[in-house]
Amino acid sequence: LTLEEVIALKLELSTRSLRGKFYGFPIWKSLPEITRDAVLKYALSATRSKKEAARFLGISVSEFHKEVKKYKTESYFTE
């Protein structure tokens, strides 16, 4: 599957419980944030350290830590 197909499937599954509606949720404007969160989670899961994840993303370690805190990414892995 392509990345676009995976995203489409995830959206379809998430809207099933809402009967296909995302009323009130600004999905179009939220896409950059959703995408960054997903890539950040992938970088953490695909690398062995936070420093390596930062290098993978092409950002500094301090910027990486800011983003992890902003998106609360570590709590995703501890739940």
C-alpha atoms as a PDB file:
ATOM      1  CA  LEU A   1       0.000   0.000   0.000  1.00  0.00           C
ATOM      2  CA  THR A   2       1.102   3.538  -0.633  1.00  0.00           C
ATOM      3  CA  LEU A   3       1.280   6.093   2.154  1.00  0.00           C
ATOM      4  CA  GLU A   4      -1.797   7.805   0.751  1.00  0.00           C
ATOM      5  CA  GLU A   5      -3.751   4.544   0.837  1.00  0.00           C
ATOM      6  CA  VAL A   6      -2.734   3.851   4.427  1.00  0.00           C
ATOM      7  CA  ILE A   7      -3.820   7.346   5.485  1.00  0.00           C
ATOM      8  CA  ALA A   8      -7.125   6.940   3.647  1.00  0.00           C
ATOM      9  CA  LEU A   9      -7.749   3.597   5.355  1.00  0.00           C
ATOM     10  CA  LYS A  10      -6.941   5.052   8.771  1.00  0.00           C
ATOM     11  CA  LEU A  11      -9.339   7.942   8.171  1.00  0.00           C
ATOM     12  CA  GLU A  12     -12.028   5.533   7.029  1.00  0.00           C
ATOM     13  CA  LEU A  13     -11.609   3.398  10.127  1.00  0.00           C
ATOM     14  CA  SER A  14     -11.604   6.378  12.455  1.00  0.00           C
ATOM     15  CA  THR A  15     -14.784   7.814  10.953  1.00  0.00           C
ATOM     16  CA  ARG A  16     -16.738   4.549  11.065  1.00  0.00           C
ATOM     17  CA  SER A  17     -17.790   5.146  14.648  1.00  0.00           C
ATOM     18  CA  LEU A  18     -18.874   8.656  13.634  1.00  0.00           C
ATOM     19  CA  ARG A  19     -20.847   7.338  10.648  1.00  0.00           C
ATOM     20  CA  GLY A  20     -18.406   8.867   8.190  1.00  0.00           C
ATOM     21  CA  LYS A  21     -18.629  12.404   9.534  1.00  0.00           C
ATOM     22  CA  PHE A  22     -15.915  14.652  10.909  1.00  0.00           C
ATOM     23  CA  TYR A  23     -18.238  17.573  11.509  1.00  0.00           C
ATOM     24  CA  GLY A  24     -16.660  20.247  13.639  1.00  0.00           C
ATOM     25  CA  PHE A  25     -13.134  18.882  13.220  1.00  0.00           C
ATOM     26  CA  PRO A  26     -10.965  21.016  10.889  1.00  0.00           C
ATOM     27  CA  ILE A  27      -9.195  18.068   9.280  1.00  0.00           C
ATOM     28  CA  TRP A  28      -7.786  19.983   6.326  1.00  0.00           C
ATOM     29  CA  LYS A  29      -6.108  22.564   8.525  1.00  0.00           C
ATOM     30  CA  SER A  30      -4.953  19.885  10.971  1.00  0.00           C
ATOM     31  CA  LEU A  31      -3.157  17.748   8.382  1.00  0.00           C
ATOM     32  CA  PRO A  32       0.307  19.284   8.824  1.00  0.00           C
ATOM     33  CA  GLU A  33       0.118  18.702  12.585  1.00  0.00           C
ATOM     34  CA  ILE A  34      -1.230  15.169  12.167  1.00  0.00           C
ATOM     35  CA  THR A  35       1.502  14.375   9.652  1.00  0.00           C
ATOM     36  CA  ARG A  36       4.276  15.726  11.871  1.00  0.00           C
ATOM     37  CA  ASP A  37       2.986  13.721  14.815  1.00  0.00           C
ATOM     38  CA  ALA A  38       2.915  10.540  12.718  1.00  0.00           C
ATOM     39  CA  VAL A  39       6.437  11.064  11.344  1.00  0.00           C
ATOM     40  CA  LEU A  40       7.746  11.804  14.834  1.00  0.00           C
ATOM     41  CA  LYS A  41       6.245   8.556  16.135  1.00  0.00           C
ATOM     42  CA  TYR A  42       7.744   6.645  13.236  1.00  0.00           C
ATOM     43  CA  ALA A  43      11.189   8.174  13.781  1.00  0.00           C
ATOM     44  CA  LEU A  44      11.142   7.143  17.432  1.00  0.00           C
ATOM     45  CA  SER A  45      10.017   3.622  16.659  1.00  0.00           C
ATOM     46  CA  ALA A  46      12.419   3.105  13.740  1.00  0.00           C
ATOM     47  CA  THR A  47      15.593   4.344  15.417  1.00  0.00           C
ATOM     48  CA  ARG A  48      17.555   3.237  18.469  1.00  0.00           C
ATOM     49  CA  SER A  49      17.953   6.608  20.184  1.00  0.00           C
ATOM     50  CA  LYS A  50      16.474  10.081  20.286  1.00  0.00           C
ATOM     51  CA  LYS A  51      19.664  11.487  18.823  1.00  0.00           C
ATOM     52  CA  GLU A  52      19.393   9.089  15.901  1.00  0.00           C
ATOM     53  CA  ALA A  53      15.710   9.996  15.466  1.00  0.00           C
ATOM     54  CA  ALA A  54      16.615  13.696  15.347  1.00  0.00           C
ATOM     55  CA  ARG A  55      19.239  12.989  12.682  1.00  0.00           C
ATOM     56  CA  PHE A  56      16.698  10.917  10.742  1.00  0.00           C
ATOM     57  CA  LEU A  57      14.311  13.885  10.732  1.00  0.00           C
ATOM     58  CA  GLY A  58      17.050  16.372   9.899  1.00  0.00           C
ATOM     59  CA  ILE A  59      16.514  18.503  13.001  1.00  0.00           C
ATOM     60  CA  SER A  60      18.636  19.327  16.033  1.00  0.00           C
ATOM     61  CA  VAL A  61      18.309  17.294  19.204  1.00  0.00           C
ATOM     62  CA  SER A  62      16.913  20.326  21.056  1.00  0.00           C
ATOM     63  CA  GLU A  63      14.285  20.853  18.337  1.00  0.00           C
ATOM     64  CA  PHE A  64      13.491  17.154  18.506  1.00  0.00           C
ATOM     65  CA  HIS A  65      12.897  17.380  22.262  1.00  0.00           C
ATOM     66  CA  LYS A  66      10.592  20.399  21.745  1.00  0.00           C
ATOM     67  CA  GLU A  67       8.541  18.474  19.198  1.00  0.00           C
ATOM     68  CA  VAL A  68       8.329  15.353  21.384  1.00  0.00           C
ATOM     69  CA  LYS A  69       7.069  17.510  24.244  1.00  0.00           C
ATOM     70  CA  LYS A  70       4.643  19.407  21.984  1.00  0.00           C
ATOM     71  CA  TYR A  71       3.024  16.255  20.574  1.00  0.00           C
ATOM     72  CA  LYS A  72       3.339  14.239  23.824  1.00  0.00           C
ATOM     73  CA  THR A  73       4.915  11.470  21.791  1.00  0.00           C
ATOM     74  CA  GLU A  74       6.574   9.598  24.636  1.00  0.00           C
ATOM     75  CA  SER A  75       3.233   9.018  26.350  1.00  0.00           C
ATOM     76  CA  TYR A  76       2.085   7.252  23.168  1.00  0.00           C
ATOM     77  CA  PHE A  77       4.787   4.634  23.649  1.00  0.00           C
ATOM     78  CA  THR A  78       4.242   4.200  27.387  1.00  0.00           C
ATOM     79  CA  GLU A  79       0.486   3.574  27.212  1.00  0.00           C
END
